[in-house]
PDB file of N, CA and C in Angstrom:
ATOM      1  N   HIS A   1       0.819  -1.191   0.000  1.00  0.00           N
ATOM      2  CA  HIS A   1       0.000   0.000   0.000  1.00  0.00           C
ATOM      3  C   HIS A   1       0.862   1.253   0.000  1.00  0.00           C
ATOM      4  N   ASP A   2       1.971   1.268   0.714  1.00  0.00           N
ATOM      5  CA  ASP A   2       2.820   2.458   0.752  1.00  0.00           C
ATOM      6  C   ASP A   2       3.532   2.697  -0.568  1.00  0.00           C
ATOM      7  N   GLY A   3       3.638   1.680  -1.411  1.00  0.00           N
ATOM      8  CA  GLY A   3       4.281   1.853  -2.702  1.00  0.00           C
ATOM      9  C   GLY A   3       3.350   2.411  -3.763  1.00  0.00           C
ATOM     10  N   VAL A   4       2.082   2.573  -3.439  1.00  0.00           N
ATOM     11  CA  VAL A   4       1.099   3.112  -4.382  1.00  0.00           C
ATOM     12  C   VAL A   4       0.986   4.613  -4.154  1.00  0.00           C
ATOM     13  N   ASP A   5       1.078   5.399  -5.238  1.00  0.00           N
ATOM     14  CA  ASP A   5       1.000   6.855  -5.105  1.00  0.00           C
ATOM     15  C   ASP A   5      -0.420   7.389  -5.236  1.00  0.00           C
ATOM     16  N   ALA A   6      -1.241   6.728  -6.011  1.00  0.00           N
ATOM     17  CA  ALA A   6      -2.620   7.175  -6.215  1.00  0.00           C
ATOM     18  C   ALA A   6      -3.461   5.987  -6.661  1.00  0.00           C
ATOM     19  N   LEU A   7      -4.781   6.137  -6.556  1.00  0.00           N
ATOM     20  CA  LEU A   7      -5.674   5.051  -6.938  1.00  0.00           C
ATOM     21  C   LEU A   7      -6.965   5.624  -7.501  1.00  0.00           C
ATOM     22  N   TRP A   8      -7.360   5.098  -8.645  1.00  0.00           N
ATOM     23  CA  TRP A   8      -8.670   5.403  -9.219  1.00  0.00           C
ATOM     24  C   TRP A   8      -9.525   4.166  -9.019  1.00  0.00           C
ATOM     25  N   PHE A   9     -10.707   4.343  -8.451  1.00  0.00           N
ATOM     26  CA  PHE A   9     -11.606   3.219  -8.205  1.00  0.00           C
ATOM     27  C   PHE A   9     -12.957   3.507  -8.834  1.00  0.00           C
ATOM     28  N   VAL A  10     -13.427   2.581  -9.662  1.00  0.00           N
ATOM     29  CA  VAL A  10     -14.762   2.675 -10.251  1.00  0.00           C
ATOM     30  C   VAL A  10     -15.495   1.402  -9.863  1.00  0.00           C
ATOM     31  N   GLY A  11     -16.505   1.547  -9.038  1.00  0.00           N
ATOM     32  CA  GLY A  11     -17.256   0.398  -8.559  1.00  0.00           C
ATOM     33  C   GLY A  11     -18.444   0.858  -7.750  1.00  0.00           C
ATOM     34  N   ASP A  12     -18.886   0.018  -6.835  1.00  0.00           N
ATOM     35  CA  ASP A  12     -20.057   0.370  -6.046  1.00  0.00           C
ATOM     36  C   ASP A  12     -19.694   1.351  -4.931  1.00  0.00           C
ATOM     37  N   GLN A  13     -20.727   1.880  -4.267  1.00  0.00           N
ATOM     38  CA  GLN A  13     -20.506   2.889  -3.241  1.00  0.00           C
ATOM     39  C   GLN A  13     -19.735   2.335  -2.043  1.00  0.00           C
ATOM     40  N   ALA A  14     -20.007   1.104  -1.657  1.00  0.00           N
ATOM     41  CA  ALA A  14     -19.294   0.503  -0.525  1.00  0.00           C
ATOM     42  C   ALA A  14     -17.799   0.405  -0.820  1.00  0.00           C
ATOM     43  N   GLY A  15     -17.448   0.018  -2.026  1.00  0.00           N
ATOM     44  CA  GLY A  15     -16.043  -0.050  -2.412  1.00  0.00           C
ATOM     45  C   GLY A  15     -15.400   1.319  -2.445  1.00  0.00           C
ATOM     46  N   SER A  16     -16.137   2.316  -2.919  1.00  0.00           N
ATOM     47  CA  SER A  16     -15.621   3.683  -2.958  1.00  0.00           C
ATOM     48  C   SER A  16     -15.321   4.191  -1.551  1.00  0.00           C
ATOM     49  N   VAL A  17     -16.236   3.931  -0.634  1.00  0.00           N
ATOM     50  CA  VAL A  17     -16.040   4.355   0.757  1.00  0.00           C
ATOM     51  C   VAL A  17     -14.839   3.635   1.362  1.00  0.00           C
ATOM     52  N   MET A  18     -14.696   2.344   1.095  1.00  0.00           N
ATOM     53  CA  MET A  18     -13.572   1.574   1.622  1.00  0.00           C
ATOM     54  C   MET A  18     -12.242   2.143   1.121  1.00  0.00           C
ATOM     55  N   VAL A  19     -12.165   2.453  -0.176  1.00  0.00           N
ATOM     56  CA  VAL A  19     -10.933   2.990  -0.757  1.00  0.00           C
ATOM     57  C   VAL A  19     -10.603   4.348  -0.141  1.00  0.00           C
ATOM     58  N   GLU A  20     -11.599   5.208   0.000  1.00  0.00           N
ATOM     59  CA  GLU A  20     -11.351   6.525   0.572  1.00  0.00           C
ATOM     60  C   GLU A  20     -10.922   6.432   2.035  1.00  0.00           C
ATOM     61  N   LYS A  21     -11.524   5.546   2.805  1.00  0.00           N
ATOM     62  CA  LYS A  21     -11.115   5.368   4.204  1.00  0.00           C
ATOM     63  C   LYS A  21      -9.696   4.816   4.301  1.00  0.00           C
ATOM     64  N   ALA A  22      -9.344   3.886   3.420  1.00  0.00           N
ATOM     65  CA  ALA A  22      -8.002   3.298   3.450  1.00  0.00           C
ATOM     66  C   ALA A  22      -6.934   4.313   3.071  1.00  0.00           C
ATOM     67  N   SER A  23      -7.300   5.326   2.318  1.00  0.00           N
ATOM     68  CA  SER A  23      -6.315   6.315   1.875  1.00  0.00           C
ATOM     69  C   SER A  23      -6.007   7.356   2.944  1.00  0.00           C
ATOM     70  N   ILE A  24      -6.798   7.419   3.982  1.00  0.00           N
ATOM     71  CA  ILE A  24      -6.627   8.452   5.001  1.00  0.00           C
ATOM     72  C   ILE A  24      -5.315   8.290   5.762  1.00  0.00           C
ATOM     73  N   GLY A  25      -4.899   7.063   6.014  1.00  0.00           N
ATOM     74  CA  GLY A  25      -3.715   6.811   6.832  1.00  0.00           C
ATOM     75  C   GLY A  25      -2.445   7.455   6.319  1.00  0.00           C
ATOM     76  N   ASN A  26      -2.257   7.495   5.009  1.00  0.00           N
ATOM     77  CA  ASN A  26      -1.045   8.116   4.470  1.00  0.00           C
ATOM     78  C   ASN A  26      -1.371   9.105   3.348  1.00  0.00           C
ATOM     79  N   LEU A  27      -2.581   9.621   3.368  1.00  0.00           N
ATOM     80  CA  LEU A  27      -3.017  10.702   2.471  1.00  0.00           C
ATOM     81  C   LEU A  27      -2.808  10.401   0.992  1.00  0.00           C
ATOM     82  N   LYS A  28      -3.204   9.200   0.577  1.00  0.00           N
ATOM     83  CA  LYS A  28      -3.128   8.849  -0.843  1.00  0.00           C
ATOM     84  C   LYS A  28      -4.160   9.646  -1.633  1.00  0.00           C
ATOM     85  N   GLN A  29      -3.792  10.008  -2.849  1.00  0.00           N
ATOM     86  CA  GLN A  29      -4.736  10.621  -3.767  1.00  0.00           C
ATOM     87  C   GLN A  29      -5.664   9.527  -4.285  1.00  0.00           C
ATOM     88  N   VAL A  30      -6.965   9.694  -4.144  1.00  0.00           N
ATOM     89  CA  VAL A  30      -7.918   8.733  -4.686  1.00  0.00           C
ATOM     90  C   VAL A  30      -8.979   9.469  -5.485  1.00  0.00           C
ATOM     91  N   TRP A  31      -9.495   8.781  -6.467  1.00  0.00           N
ATOM     92  CA  TRP A  31     -10.638   9.270  -7.244  1.00  0.00           C
ATOM     93  C   TRP A  31     -11.598   8.112  -7.363  1.00  0.00           C
ATOM     94  N   THR A  32     -12.803   8.290  -6.846  1.00  0.00           N
ATOM     95  CA  THR A  32     -13.816   7.247  -6.920  1.00  0.00           C
ATOM     96  C   THR A  32     -15.065   7.798  -7.599  1.00  0.00           C
ATOM     97  N   ASN A  33     -15.896   6.904  -8.060  1.00  0.00           N
ATOM     98  CA  ASN A  33     -17.156   7.317  -8.679  1.00  0.00           C
ATOM     99  C   ASN A  33     -18.306   7.332  -7.677  1.00  0.00           C
ATOM    100  N   LEU A  34     -18.022   7.005  -6.415  1.00  0.00           N
ATOM    101  CA  LEU A  34     -19.026   6.981  -5.348  1.00  0.00           C
ATOM    102  C   LEU A  34     -20.236   6.122  -5.706  1.00  0.00           C
ATOM    103  N   GLY A  35     -19.996   5.081  -6.490  1.00  0.00           N
ATOM    104  CA  GLY A  35     -21.057   4.156  -6.857  1.00  0.00           C
ATOM    105  C   GLY A  35     -21.947   4.627  -7.990  1.00  0.00           C
ATOM    106  N   LYS A  36     -21.675   5.801  -8.539  1.00  0.00           N
ATOM    107  CA  LYS A  36     -22.505   6.328  -9.632  1.00  0.00           C
ATOM    108  C   LYS A  36     -22.052   5.738 -10.959  1.00  0.00           C
ATOM    109  N   ASP A  37     -23.004   5.578 -11.870  1.00  0.00           N
ATOM    110  CA  ASP A  37     -22.671   5.103 -13.210  1.00  0.00           C
ATOM    111  C   ASP A  37     -21.962   6.208 -13.977  1.00  0.00           C
ATOM    112  N   LEU A  38     -20.912   5.841 -14.688  1.00  0.00           N
ATOM    113  CA  LEU A  38     -20.183   6.792 -15.522  1.00  0.00           C
ATOM    114  C   LEU A  38     -20.384   6.427 -16.984  1.00  0.00           C
ATOM    115  N   ASN A  39     -20.685   7.410 -17.787  1.00  0.00           N
ATOM    116  CA  ASN A  39     -20.814   7.211 -19.224  1.00  0.00           C
ATOM    117  C   ASN A  39     -19.466   7.559 -19.853  1.00  0.00           C
ATOM    118  N   TRP A  40     -18.624   6.556 -20.043  1.00  0.00           N
ATOM    119  CA  TRP A  40     -17.265   6.779 -20.526  1.00  0.00           C
ATOM    120  C   TRP A  40     -17.233   7.344 -21.941  1.00  0.00           C
ATOM    121  N   SER A  41     -18.334   7.247 -22.679  1.00  0.00           N
ATOM    122  CA  SER A  41     -18.352   7.780 -24.037  1.00  0.00           C
ATOM    123  C   SER A  41     -18.827   9.233 -24.085  1.00  0.00           C
ATOM    124  N   ASP A  42     -19.084   9.841 -22.929  1.00  0.00           N
ATOM    125  CA  ASP A  42     -19.495  11.246 -22.870  1.00  0.00           C
ATOM    126  C   ASP A  42     -18.285  12.133 -23.150  1.00  0.00           C
ATOM    127  N   SER A  43     -18.151  12.562 -24.396  1.00  0.00           N
ATOM    128  CA  SER A  43     -16.954  13.311 -24.793  1.00  0.00           C
ATOM    129  C   SER A  43     -16.886  14.685 -24.141  1.00  0.00           C
ATOM    130  N   GLU A  44     -18.018  15.264 -23.756  1.00  0.00           N
ATOM    131  CA  GLU A  44     -17.981  16.570 -23.098  1.00  0.00           C
ATOM    132  C   GLU A  44     -17.354  16.470 -21.712  1.00  0.00           C
ATOM    133  N   LYS A  45     -17.572  15.375 -21.028  1.00  0.00           N
ATOM    134  CA  LYS A  45     -17.035  15.228 -19.674  1.00  0.00           C
ATOM    135  C   LYS A  45     -15.641  14.612 -19.659  1.00  0.00           C
ATOM    136  N   PHE A  46     -15.409  13.615 -20.482  1.00  0.00           N
ATOM    137  CA  PHE A  46     -14.182  12.843 -20.361  1.00  0.00           C
ATOM    138  C   PHE A  46     -13.099  13.207 -21.367  1.00  0.00           C
ATOM    139  N   ASP A  47     -13.322  14.162 -22.216  1.00  0.00           N
ATOM    140  CA  ASP A  47     -12.258  14.644 -23.096  1.00  0.00           C
ATOM    141  C   ASP A  47     -11.611  15.871 -22.462  1.00  0.00           C
ATOM    142  N   GLY A  48     -10.496  16.261 -22.996  1.00  0.00           N
ATOM    143  CA  GLY A  48      -9.863  17.482 -22.520  1.00  0.00           C
ATOM    144  C   GLY A  48      -9.136  17.298 -21.204  1.00  0.00           C
ATOM    145  N   ASP A  49      -9.356  18.237 -20.298  1.00  0.00           N
ATOM    146  CA  ASP A  49      -8.577  18.306 -19.064  1.00  0.00           C
ATOM    147  C   ASP A  49      -9.140  17.478 -17.912  1.00  0.00           C
ATOM    148  N   TYR A  50     -10.265  16.818 -18.093  1.00  0.00           N
ATOM    149  CA  TYR A  50     -10.892  16.105 -16.977  1.00  0.00           C
ATOM    150  C   TYR A  50      -9.956  15.064 -16.367  1.00  0.00           C
ATOM    151  N   PHE A  51      -9.409  14.176 -17.185  1.00  0.00           N
ATOM    152  CA  PHE A  51      -8.502  13.151 -16.676  1.00  0.00           C
ATOM    153  C   PHE A  51      -7.176  13.756 -16.236  1.00  0.00           C
ATOM    154  N   LEU A  52      -6.724  14.784 -16.929  1.00  0.00           N
ATOM    155  CA  LEU A  52      -5.476  15.445 -16.545  1.00  0.00           C
ATOM    156  C   LEU A  52      -5.581  16.008 -15.133  1.00  0.00           C
ATOM    157  N   GLN A  53      -6.702  16.610 -14.799  1.00  0.00           N
ATOM    158  CA  GLN A  53      -6.894  17.155 -13.458  1.00  0.00           C
ATOM    159  C   GLN A  53      -6.908  16.053 -12.399  1.00  0.00           C
ATOM    160  N   LYS A  54      -7.448  14.901 -12.734  1.00  0.00           N
ATOM    161  CA  LYS A  54      -7.480  13.787 -11.788  1.00  0.00           C
ATOM    162  C   LYS A  54      -6.123  13.089 -11.674  1.00  0.00           C
ATOM    163  N   ALA A  55      -5.298  13.201 -12.702  1.00  0.00           N
ATOM    164  CA  ALA A  55      -4.041  12.457 -12.752  1.00  0.00           C
ATOM    165  C   ALA A  55      -2.831  13.270 -12.300  1.00  0.00           C
ATOM    166  N   THR A  56      -3.017  14.544 -12.001  1.00  0.00           N
ATOM    167  CA  THR A  56      -1.882  15.370 -11.598  1.00  0.00           C
ATOM    168  C   THR A  56      -2.130  15.985 -10.231  1.00  0.00           C
ATOM    169  N   GLN A  57      -1.052  16.365  -9.596  1.00  0.00           N
ATOM    170  CA  GLN A  57      -1.139  17.010  -8.292  1.00  0.00           C
ATOM    171  C   GLN A  57      -0.097  18.117  -8.253  1.00  0.00           C
ATOM    172  N   VAL A  58      -0.524  19.310  -7.914  1.00  0.00           N
ATOM    173  CA  VAL A  58       0.388  20.439  -7.808  1.00  0.00           C
ATOM    174  C   VAL A  58       1.040  20.393  -6.433  1.00  0.00           C
ATOM    175  N   LYS A  59       2.348  20.518  -6.427  1.00  0.00           N
ATOM    176  CA  LYS A  59       3.075  20.540  -5.157  1.00  0.00           C
ATOM    177  C   LYS A  59       3.920  21.804  -5.093  1.00  0.00           C
ATOM    178  N   ASN A  60       4.000  22.371  -3.922  1.00  0.00           N
ATOM    179  CA  ASN A  60       4.830  23.551  -3.705  1.00  0.00           C
ATOM    180  C   ASN A  60       6.160  23.128  -3.113  1.00  0.00           C
ATOM    181  N   VAL A  61       7.201  23.791  -3.547  1.00  0.00           N
ATOM    182  CA  VAL A  61       8.530  23.546  -3.002  1.00  0.00           C
ATOM    183  C   VAL A  61       8.993  24.835  -2.342  1.00  0.00           C
ATOM    184  N   TRP A  62       9.324  24.756  -1.077  1.00  0.00           N
ATOM    185  CA  TRP A  62       9.791  25.925  -0.342  1.00  0.00           C
ATOM    186  C   TRP A  62      11.308  25.885  -0.277  1.00  0.00           C
ATOM    187  N   ILE A  63      11.930  26.954  -0.725  1.00  0.00           N
ATOM    188  CA  ILE A  63      13.387  27.051  -0.723  1.00  0.00           C
ATOM    189  C   ILE A  63      13.781  28.190   0.208  1.00  0.00           C
ATOM    190  N   PRO A  64      14.523  27.886   1.278  1.00  0.00           N
ATOM    191  CA  PRO A  64      14.964  28.950   2.193  1.00  0.00           C
ATOM    192  C   PRO A  64      15.853  29.946   1.452  1.00  0.00           C
ATOM    193  N   TYR A  65      15.624  31.210   1.707  1.00  0.00           N
ATOM    194  CA  TYR A  65      16.385  32.247   1.025  1.00  0.00           C
ATOM    195  C   TYR A  65      16.654  33.372   2.005  1.00  0.00           C
ATOM    196  N   GLY A  66      17.844  33.894   1.976  1.00  0.00           N
ATOM    197  CA  GLY A  66      18.179  35.026   2.825  1.00  0.00           C
ATOM    198  C   GLY A  66      18.920  34.598   4.078  1.00  0.00           C
ATOM    199  N   ALA A  67      19.156  35.591   4.905  1.00  0.00           N
ATOM    200  CA  ALA A  67      19.930  35.339   6.125  1.00  0.00           C
ATOM    201  C   ALA A  67      19.049  35.201   7.332  1.00  0.00           C
TER     202      ALA A  67
END
């Protein structure tokens, strides 16, 4: 589990809740469908930046500067 950086889960609501609860211990990025049906052929929702937003994470790097 610690070797996994993120997880996408598509399934029933109970499975979605289980995945989200399991991710709390080490703050894994998860994306679940919360048991809702997804229309994968919906080009308005699933084209473009939708998957990119789910697949990336912005991180800040703090660099000490000055005296």
